[in-house]
PDB file of all heavy atoms in Angstrom:
ATOM      1  N   GLY A   1      -3.005  -5.056   1.184  1.00  0.00           N
ATOM      2  CA  GLY A   1      -2.833  -4.965   2.628  1.00  0.00           C
ATOM      3  C   GLY A   1      -4.166  -4.583   3.257  1.00  0.00           C
ATOM      4  O   GLY A   1      -4.927  -3.775   2.676  1.00  0.00           O
ATOM      5  N   ARG A   2      -4.477  -5.161   4.435  1.00  0.00           N
ATOM      6  CA  ARG A   2      -5.845  -4.930   4.922  1.00  0.00           C
ATOM      7  C   ARG A   2      -5.902  -5.003   6.443  1.00  0.00           C
ATOM      8  O   ARG A   2      -5.377  -5.910   7.063  1.00  0.00           O
ATOM      9  CB  ARG A   2      -6.786  -6.014   4.349  1.00  0.00           C
ATOM     10  CG  ARG A   2      -8.270  -5.768   4.607  1.00  0.00           C
ATOM     11  CD  ARG A   2      -8.754  -4.543   3.891  1.00  0.00           C
ATOM     12  NE  ARG A   2     -10.191  -4.367   4.033  1.00  0.00           N
ATOM     13  CZ  ARG A   2     -11.093  -4.662   3.102  1.00  0.00           C
ATOM     14  NH1 ARG A   2     -10.698  -5.129   1.930  1.00  0.00           N
ATOM     15  NH2 ARG A   2     -12.379  -4.457   3.324  1.00  0.00           N
ATOM     16  N   MET A   3      -6.497  -3.959   7.010  1.00  0.00           N
ATOM     17  CA  MET A   3      -6.878  -3.970   8.410  1.00  0.00           C
ATOM     18  C   MET A   3      -8.357  -4.346   8.497  1.00  0.00           C
ATOM     19  O   MET A   3      -9.139  -4.056   7.581  1.00  0.00           O
ATOM     20  CB  MET A   3      -6.652  -2.594   9.049  1.00  0.00           C
ATOM     21  CG  MET A   3      -5.200  -2.173   9.121  1.00  0.00           C
ATOM     22  SD  MET A   3      -4.229  -3.225  10.220  1.00  0.00           S
ATOM     23  CE  MET A   3      -2.630  -2.379  10.136  1.00  0.00           C
ATOM     24  N   LEU A   4      -8.745  -4.952   9.622  1.00  0.00           N
ATOM     25  CA  LEU A   4     -10.142  -5.280   9.831  1.00  0.00           C
ATOM     26  C   LEU A   4     -10.797  -4.251  10.769  1.00  0.00           C
ATOM     27  O   LEU A   4     -10.110  -3.395  11.363  1.00  0.00           O
ATOM     28  CB  LEU A   4     -10.270  -6.699  10.426  1.00  0.00           C
ATOM     29  CG  LEU A   4      -9.733  -7.806   9.534  1.00  0.00           C
ATOM     30  CD1 LEU A   4      -9.936  -9.171  10.193  1.00  0.00           C
ATOM     31  CD2 LEU A   4     -10.388  -7.800   8.164  1.00  0.00           C
ATOM     32  N   SER A   5     -12.103  -4.376  10.932  1.00  0.00           N
ATOM     33  CA  SER A   5     -12.836  -3.381  11.689  1.00  0.00           C
ATOM     34  C   SER A   5     -12.448  -3.318  13.160  1.00  0.00           C
ATOM     35  O   SER A   5     -12.668  -2.299  13.840  1.00  0.00           O
ATOM     36  CB  SER A   5     -14.343  -3.634  11.575  1.00  0.00           C
ATOM     37  OG  SER A   5     -14.686  -4.909  12.113  1.00  0.00           O
ATOM     38  N   GLY A   6     -11.846  -4.386  13.667  1.00  0.00           N
ATOM     39  CA  GLY A   6     -11.415  -4.385  15.054  1.00  0.00           C
ATOM     40  C   GLY A   6      -9.996  -3.923  15.227  1.00  0.00           C
ATOM     41  O   GLY A   6      -9.474  -3.901  16.339  1.00  0.00           O
ATOM     42  N   GLY A   7      -9.349  -3.553  14.102  1.00  0.00           N
ATOM     43  CA  GLY A   7      -7.971  -3.088  14.188  1.00  0.00           C
ATOM     44  C   GLY A   7      -6.928  -4.177  13.943  1.00  0.00           C
ATOM     45  O   GLY A   7      -5.725  -3.911  13.929  1.00  0.00           O
ATOM     46  N   GLU A   8      -7.377  -5.434  13.723  1.00  0.00           N
ATOM     47  CA  GLU A   8      -6.424  -6.517  13.482  1.00  0.00           C
ATOM     48  C   GLU A   8      -5.904  -6.450  12.048  1.00  0.00           C
ATOM     49  O   GLU A   8      -6.624  -6.071  11.145  1.00  0.00           O
ATOM     50  CB  GLU A   8      -7.099  -7.890  13.719  1.00  0.00           C
ATOM     51  CG  GLU A   8      -7.812  -8.035  15.030  1.00  0.00           C
ATOM     52  CD  GLU A   8      -9.281  -7.623  14.970  1.00  0.00           C
ATOM     53  OE1 GLU A   8      -9.668  -7.050  13.900  1.00  0.00           O
ATOM     54  OE2 GLU A   8     -10.019  -7.815  15.919  1.00  0.00           O
ATOM     55  N   GLU A   9      -4.671  -6.851  11.861  1.00  0.00           N
ATOM     56  CA  GLU A   9      -4.092  -6.878  10.516  1.00  0.00           C
ATOM     57  C   GLU A   9      -4.483  -8.212   9.860  1.00  0.00           C
ATOM     58  O   GLU A   9      -4.047  -9.268  10.274  1.00  0.00           O
ATOM     59  CB  GLU A   9      -2.564  -6.745  10.565  1.00  0.00           C
ATOM     60  CG  GLU A   9      -1.951  -6.696   9.157  1.00  0.00           C
ATOM     61  CD  GLU A   9      -0.430  -6.582   9.202  1.00  0.00           C
ATOM     62  OE1 GLU A   9       0.198  -7.578   9.633  1.00  0.00           O
ATOM     63  OE2 GLU A   9       0.112  -5.539   8.797  1.00  0.00           O
ATOM     64  N   HIS A  10      -5.266  -8.100   8.790  1.00  0.00           N
ATOM     65  CA  HIS A  10      -5.684  -9.283   8.047  1.00  0.00           C
ATOM     66  C   HIS A  10      -4.661  -9.668   6.985  1.00  0.00           C
ATOM     67  O   HIS A  10      -4.440 -10.831   6.701  1.00  0.00           O
ATOM     68  CB  HIS A  10      -7.046  -9.021   7.402  1.00  0.00           C
ATOM     69  CG  HIS A  10      -7.534 -10.135   6.552  1.00  0.00           C
ATOM     70  ND1 HIS A  10      -7.943 -11.355   7.072  1.00  0.00           N
ATOM     71  CD2 HIS A  10      -7.723 -10.238   5.190  1.00  0.00           C
ATOM     72  CE1 HIS A  10      -8.316 -12.152   6.087  1.00  0.00           C
ATOM     73  NE2 HIS A  10      -8.184 -11.507   4.927  1.00  0.00           N
ATOM     74  N   GLU A  11      -4.053  -8.634   6.396  1.00  0.00           N
ATOM     75  CA  GLU A  11      -3.058  -8.852   5.331  1.00  0.00           C
ATOM     76  C   GLU A  11      -1.990  -7.761   5.468  1.00  0.00           C
ATOM     77  O   GLU A  11      -2.318  -6.590   5.558  1.00  0.00           O
ATOM     78  CB  GLU A  11      -3.729  -8.770   3.958  1.00  0.00           C
ATOM     79  CG  GLU A  11      -2.773  -8.958   2.790  1.00  0.00           C
ATOM     80  CD  GLU A  11      -3.462  -8.761   1.439  1.00  0.00           C
ATOM     81  OE1 GLU A  11      -4.705  -8.560   1.425  1.00  0.00           O
ATOM     82  OE2 GLU A  11      -2.746  -8.780   0.414  1.00  0.00           O
ATOM     83  N   PRO A  12      -0.704  -8.130   5.472  1.00  0.00           N
ATOM     84  CA  PRO A  12       0.338  -7.122   5.621  1.00  0.00           C
ATOM     85  C   PRO A  12       0.343  -6.134   4.461  1.00  0.00           C
ATOM     86  O   PRO A  12      -0.104  -6.445   3.366  1.00  0.00           O
ATOM     87  CB  PRO A  12       1.629  -7.954   5.638  1.00  0.00           C
ATOM     88  CG  PRO A  12       1.216  -9.336   5.989  1.00  0.00           C
ATOM     89  CD  PRO A  12      -0.179  -9.499   5.428  1.00  0.00           C
ATOM     90  N   LEU A  13       0.849  -4.938   4.712  1.00  0.00           N
ATOM     91  CA  LEU A  13       0.974  -3.933   3.674  1.00  0.00           C
ATOM     92  C   LEU A  13       1.969  -4.414   2.630  1.00  0.00           C
ATOM     93  O   LEU A  13       3.063  -4.812   2.942  1.00  0.00           O
ATOM     94  CB  LEU A  13       1.434  -2.614   4.276  1.00  0.00           C
ATOM     95  CG  LEU A  13       1.707  -1.469   3.294  1.00  0.00           C
ATOM     96  CD1 LEU A  13       0.382  -0.999   2.684  1.00  0.00           C
ATOM     97  CD2 LEU A  13       2.412  -0.310   3.976  1.00  0.00           C
ATOM     98  N   ASN A  14       1.569  -4.346   1.363  1.00  0.00           N
ATOM     99  CA  ASN A  14       2.436  -4.724   0.273  1.00  0.00           C
ATOM    100  C   ASN A  14       3.256  -3.512  -0.133  1.00  0.00           C
ATOM    101  O   ASN A  14       2.773  -2.650  -0.863  1.00  0.00           O
ATOM    102  CB  ASN A  14       1.629  -5.282  -0.897  1.00  0.00           C
ATOM    103  CG  ASN A  14       2.485  -5.901  -1.973  1.00  0.00           C
ATOM    104  OD1 ASN A  14       3.495  -5.312  -2.382  1.00  0.00           O
ATOM    105  ND2 ASN A  14       2.106  -7.077  -2.441  1.00  0.00           N
ATOM    106  N   GLU A  15       4.465  -3.431   0.339  1.00  0.00           N
ATOM    107  CA  GLU A  15       5.286  -2.240   0.081  1.00  0.00           C
ATOM    108  C   GLU A  15       5.702  -2.127  -1.364  1.00  0.00           C
ATOM    109  O   GLU A  15       5.968  -1.023  -1.840  1.00  0.00           O
ATOM    110  CB  GLU A  15       6.482  -2.233   1.021  1.00  0.00           C
ATOM    111  CG  GLU A  15       6.106  -2.107   2.491  1.00  0.00           C
ATOM    112  CD  GLU A  15       7.284  -1.847   3.396  1.00  0.00           C
ATOM    113  OE1 GLU A  15       8.418  -1.672   2.882  1.00  0.00           O
ATOM    114  OE2 GLU A  15       7.102  -1.789   4.629  1.00  0.00           O
ATOM    115  N   ASP A  16       5.721  -3.234  -2.087  1.00  0.00           N
ATOM    116  CA  ASP A  16       6.027  -3.162  -3.518  1.00  0.00           C
ATOM    117  C   ASP A  16       4.966  -2.326  -4.237  1.00  0.00           C
ATOM    118  O   ASP A  16       5.280  -1.550  -5.147  1.00  0.00           O
ATOM    119  CB  ASP A  16       6.095  -4.551  -4.140  1.00  0.00           C
ATOM    120  CG  ASP A  16       7.336  -5.329  -3.716  1.00  0.00           C
ATOM    121  OD1 ASP A  16       8.293  -4.694  -3.209  1.00  0.00           O
ATOM    122  OD2 ASP A  16       7.334  -6.561  -3.804  1.00  0.00           O
ATOM    123  N   ASP A  17       3.714  -2.477  -3.802  1.00  0.00           N
ATOM    124  CA  ASP A  17       2.645  -1.689  -4.410  1.00  0.00           C
ATOM    125  C   ASP A  17       2.848  -0.192  -4.097  1.00  0.00           C
ATOM    126  O   ASP A  17       2.567   0.664  -4.937  1.00  0.00           O
ATOM    127  CB  ASP A  17       1.284  -2.121  -3.866  1.00  0.00           C
ATOM    128  CG  ASP A  17       0.876  -3.488  -4.379  1.00  0.00           C
ATOM    129  OD1 ASP A  17       1.529  -4.002  -5.293  1.00  0.00           O
ATOM    130  OD2 ASP A  17      -0.119  -4.050  -3.850  1.00  0.00           O
ATOM    131  N   VAL A  18       3.302   0.114  -2.890  1.00  0.00           N
ATOM    132  CA  VAL A  18       3.534   1.499  -2.503  1.00  0.00           C
ATOM    133  C   VAL A  18       4.624   2.089  -3.371  1.00  0.00           C
ATOM    134  O   VAL A  18       4.489   3.221  -3.890  1.00  0.00           O
ATOM    135  CB  VAL A  18       3.885   1.602  -1.005  1.00  0.00           C
ATOM    136  CG1 VAL A  18       4.165   3.052  -0.625  1.00  0.00           C
ATOM    137  CG2 VAL A  18       2.781   1.040  -0.144  1.00  0.00           C
ATOM    138  N   TYR A  19       5.711   1.356  -3.548  1.00  0.00           N
ATOM    139  CA  TYR A  19       6.816   1.892  -4.364  1.00  0.00           C
ATOM    140  C   TYR A  19       6.396   2.029  -5.819  1.00  0.00           C
ATOM    141  O   TYR A  19       6.822   2.984  -6.511  1.00  0.00           O
ATOM    142  CB  TYR A  19       8.041   0.958  -4.243  1.00  0.00           C
ATOM    143  CG  TYR A  19       8.799   1.133  -2.950  1.00  0.00           C
ATOM    144  CD1 TYR A  19       8.697   0.160  -1.954  1.00  0.00           C
ATOM    145  CD2 TYR A  19       9.602   2.235  -2.737  1.00  0.00           C
ATOM    146  CE1 TYR A  19       9.414   0.308  -0.769  1.00  0.00           C
ATOM    147  CE2 TYR A  19      10.310   2.392  -1.549  1.00  0.00           C
ATOM    148  CZ  TYR A  19      10.194   1.424  -0.551  1.00  0.00           C
ATOM    149  OH  TYR A  19      10.868   1.585   0.639  1.00  0.00           O
ATOM    150  N   ALA A  20       5.549   1.127  -6.296  1.00  0.00           N
ATOM    151  CA  ALA A  20       5.051   1.239  -7.682  1.00  0.00           C
ATOM    152  C   ALA A  20       4.178   2.496  -7.826  1.00  0.00           C
ATOM    153  O   ALA A  20       4.264   3.212  -8.845  1.00  0.00           O
ATOM    154  CB  ALA A  20       4.261  -0.019  -8.032  1.00  0.00           C
ATOM    155  N   ALA A  21       3.353   2.761  -6.840  1.00  0.00           N
ATOM    156  CA  ALA A  21       2.530   3.975  -6.863  1.00  0.00           C
ATOM    157  C   ALA A  21       3.406   5.211  -6.879  1.00  0.00           C
ATOM    158  O   ALA A  21       3.143   6.172  -7.628  1.00  0.00           O
ATOM    159  CB  ALA A  21       1.586   3.987  -5.674  1.00  0.00           C
ATOM    160  N   ILE A  22       4.443   5.202  -6.052  1.00  0.00           N
ATOM    161  CA  ILE A  22       5.346   6.344  -5.969  1.00  0.00           C
ATOM    162  C   ILE A  22       6.044   6.571  -7.299  1.00  0.00           C
ATOM    163  O   ILE A  22       6.183   7.743  -7.764  1.00  0.00           O
ATOM    164  CB  ILE A  22       6.339   6.163  -4.833  1.00  0.00           C
ATOM    165  CG1 ILE A  22       5.623   6.282  -3.490  1.00  0.00           C
ATOM    166  CG2 ILE A  22       7.509   7.145  -4.933  1.00  0.00           C
ATOM    167  CD1 ILE A  22       6.485   5.954  -2.300  1.00  0.00           C
ATOM    168  N   GLU A  23       6.478   5.518  -7.940  1.00  0.00           N
ATOM    169  CA  GLU A  23       7.158   5.665  -9.234  1.00  0.00           C
ATOM    170  C   GLU A  23       6.191   6.285 -10.273  1.00  0.00           C
ATOM    171  O   GLU A  23       6.576   7.122 -11.073  1.00  0.00           O
ATOM    172  CB  GLU A  23       7.651   4.322  -9.710  1.00  0.00           C
ATOM    173  CG  GLU A  23       8.462   4.370 -11.026  1.00  0.00           C
ATOM    174  CD  GLU A  23       9.659   5.293 -10.914  1.00  0.00           C
ATOM    175  OE1 GLU A  23      10.276   5.382  -9.820  1.00  0.00           O
ATOM    176  OE2 GLU A  23      10.001   5.934 -11.940  1.00  0.00           O
ATOM    177  N   HIS A  24       4.922   5.847 -10.234  1.00  0.00           N
ATOM    178  CA  HIS A  24       3.942   6.407 -11.143  1.00  0.00           C
ATOM    179  C   HIS A  24       3.713   7.881 -10.833  1.00  0.00           C
ATOM    180  O   HIS A  24       3.644   8.717 -11.770  1.00  0.00           O
ATOM    181  CB  HIS A  24       2.614   5.628 -10.987  1.00  0.00           C
ATOM    182  CG  HIS A  24       1.564   6.098 -11.920  1.00  0.00           C
ATOM    183  ND1 HIS A  24       1.647   6.051 -13.284  1.00  0.00           N
ATOM    184  CD2 HIS A  24       0.351   6.662 -11.673  1.00  0.00           C
ATOM    185  CE1 HIS A  24       0.562   6.513 -13.841  1.00  0.00           C
ATOM    186  NE2 HIS A  24      -0.269   6.927 -12.883  1.00  0.00           N
ATOM    187  N   PHE A  25       3.632   8.252  -9.574  1.00  0.00           N
ATOM    188  CA  PHE A  25       3.441   9.649  -9.197  1.00  0.00           C
ATOM    189  C   PHE A  25       4.645  10.489  -9.655  1.00  0.00           C
ATOM    190  O   PHE A  25       4.504  11.639 -10.083  1.00  0.00           O
ATOM    191  CB  PHE A  25       3.268   9.804  -7.696  1.00  0.00           C
ATOM    192  CG  PHE A  25       1.980   9.231  -7.161  1.00  0.00           C
ATOM    193  CD1 PHE A  25       1.897   8.788  -5.843  1.00  0.00           C
ATOM    194  CD2 PHE A  25       0.871   9.115  -7.958  1.00  0.00           C
ATOM    195  CE1 PHE A  25       0.721   8.257  -5.334  1.00  0.00           C
ATOM    196  CE2 PHE A  25      -0.319   8.585  -7.468  1.00  0.00           C
ATOM    197  CZ  PHE A  25      -0.378   8.149  -6.163  1.00  0.00           C
ATOM    198  N   ARG A  26       5.845   9.918  -9.536  1.00  0.00           N
ATOM    199  CA  ARG A  26       7.045  10.646  -9.962  1.00  0.00           C
ATOM    200  C   ARG A  26       6.983  10.894 -11.468  1.00  0.00           C
ATOM    201  O   ARG A  26       7.302  12.021 -11.930  1.00  0.00           O
ATOM    202  CB  ARG A  26       8.273   9.821  -9.581  1.00  0.00           C
ATOM    203  CG  ARG A  26       9.596  10.558  -9.841  1.00  0.00           C
ATOM    204  CD  ARG A  26      10.778   9.706  -9.458  1.00  0.00           C
ATOM    205  NE  ARG A  26      10.942   9.615  -8.007  1.00  0.00           N
ATOM    206  CZ  ARG A  26      10.867   8.492  -7.326  1.00  0.00           C
ATOM    207  NH1 ARG A  26      10.609   7.343  -7.938  1.00  0.00           N
ATOM    208  NH2 ARG A  26      11.035   8.466  -5.997  1.00  0.00           N
ATOM    209  N   GLU A  27       6.585   9.912 -12.216  1.00  0.00           N
ATOM    210  CA  GLU A  27       6.477  10.059 -13.685  1.00  0.00           C
ATOM    211  C   GLU A  27       5.407  11.090 -14.050  1.00  0.00           C
ATOM    212  O   GLU A  27       5.550  11.824 -15.033  1.00  0.00           O
ATOM    213  CB  GLU A  27       6.158   8.715 -14.330  1.00  0.00           C
ATOM    214  CG  GLU A  27       7.263   7.693 -14.220  1.00  0.00           C
ATOM    215  CD  GLU A  27       6.841   6.319 -14.690  1.00  0.00           C
ATOM    216  OE1 GLU A  27       5.626   6.169 -15.019  1.00  0.00           O
ATOM    217  OE2 GLU A  27       7.674   5.402 -14.726  1.00  0.00           O
ATOM    218  N   GLU A  28       4.339  11.169 -13.270  1.00  0.00           N
ATOM    219  CA  GLU A  28       3.238  12.089 -13.563  1.00  0.00           C
ATOM    220  C   GLU A  28       3.466  13.472 -12.949  1.00  0.00           C
ATOM    221  O   GLU A  28       2.631  14.363 -13.129  1.00  0.00           O
ATOM    222  CB  GLU A  28       1.932  11.486 -13.001  1.00  0.00           C
ATOM    223  CG  GLU A  28       1.431  10.270 -13.742  1.00  0.00           C
ATOM    224  CD  GLU A  28       0.912  10.592 -15.122  1.00  0.00           C
ATOM    225  OE1 GLU A  28       0.520  11.777 -15.357  1.00  0.00           O
ATOM    226  OE2 GLU A  28       0.883   9.686 -15.982  1.00  0.00           O
ATOM    227  N   ASP A  29       4.567  13.638 -12.240  1.00  0.00           N
ATOM    228  CA  ASP A  29       4.893  14.933 -11.653  1.00  0.00           C
ATOM    229  C   ASP A  29       3.794  15.430 -10.697  1.00  0.00           C
ATOM    230  O   ASP A  29       3.346  16.576 -10.743  1.00  0.00           O
ATOM    231  CB  ASP A  29       5.131  15.990 -12.750  1.00  0.00           C
ATOM    232  CG  ASP A  29       5.934  17.191 -12.237  1.00  0.00           C
ATOM    233  OD1 ASP A  29       6.620  17.048 -11.215  1.00  0.00           O
ATOM    234  OD2 ASP A  29       5.819  18.258 -12.842  1.00  0.00           O
TER     235      ASP A  29
END
């Protein structure tokens, strides 16, 4: 997911990546 320097959204946030990160954090306590 990517914002540009002018504030425009270049690529939408990939929420699957966010949930994957959260699952990893949960496992790592």
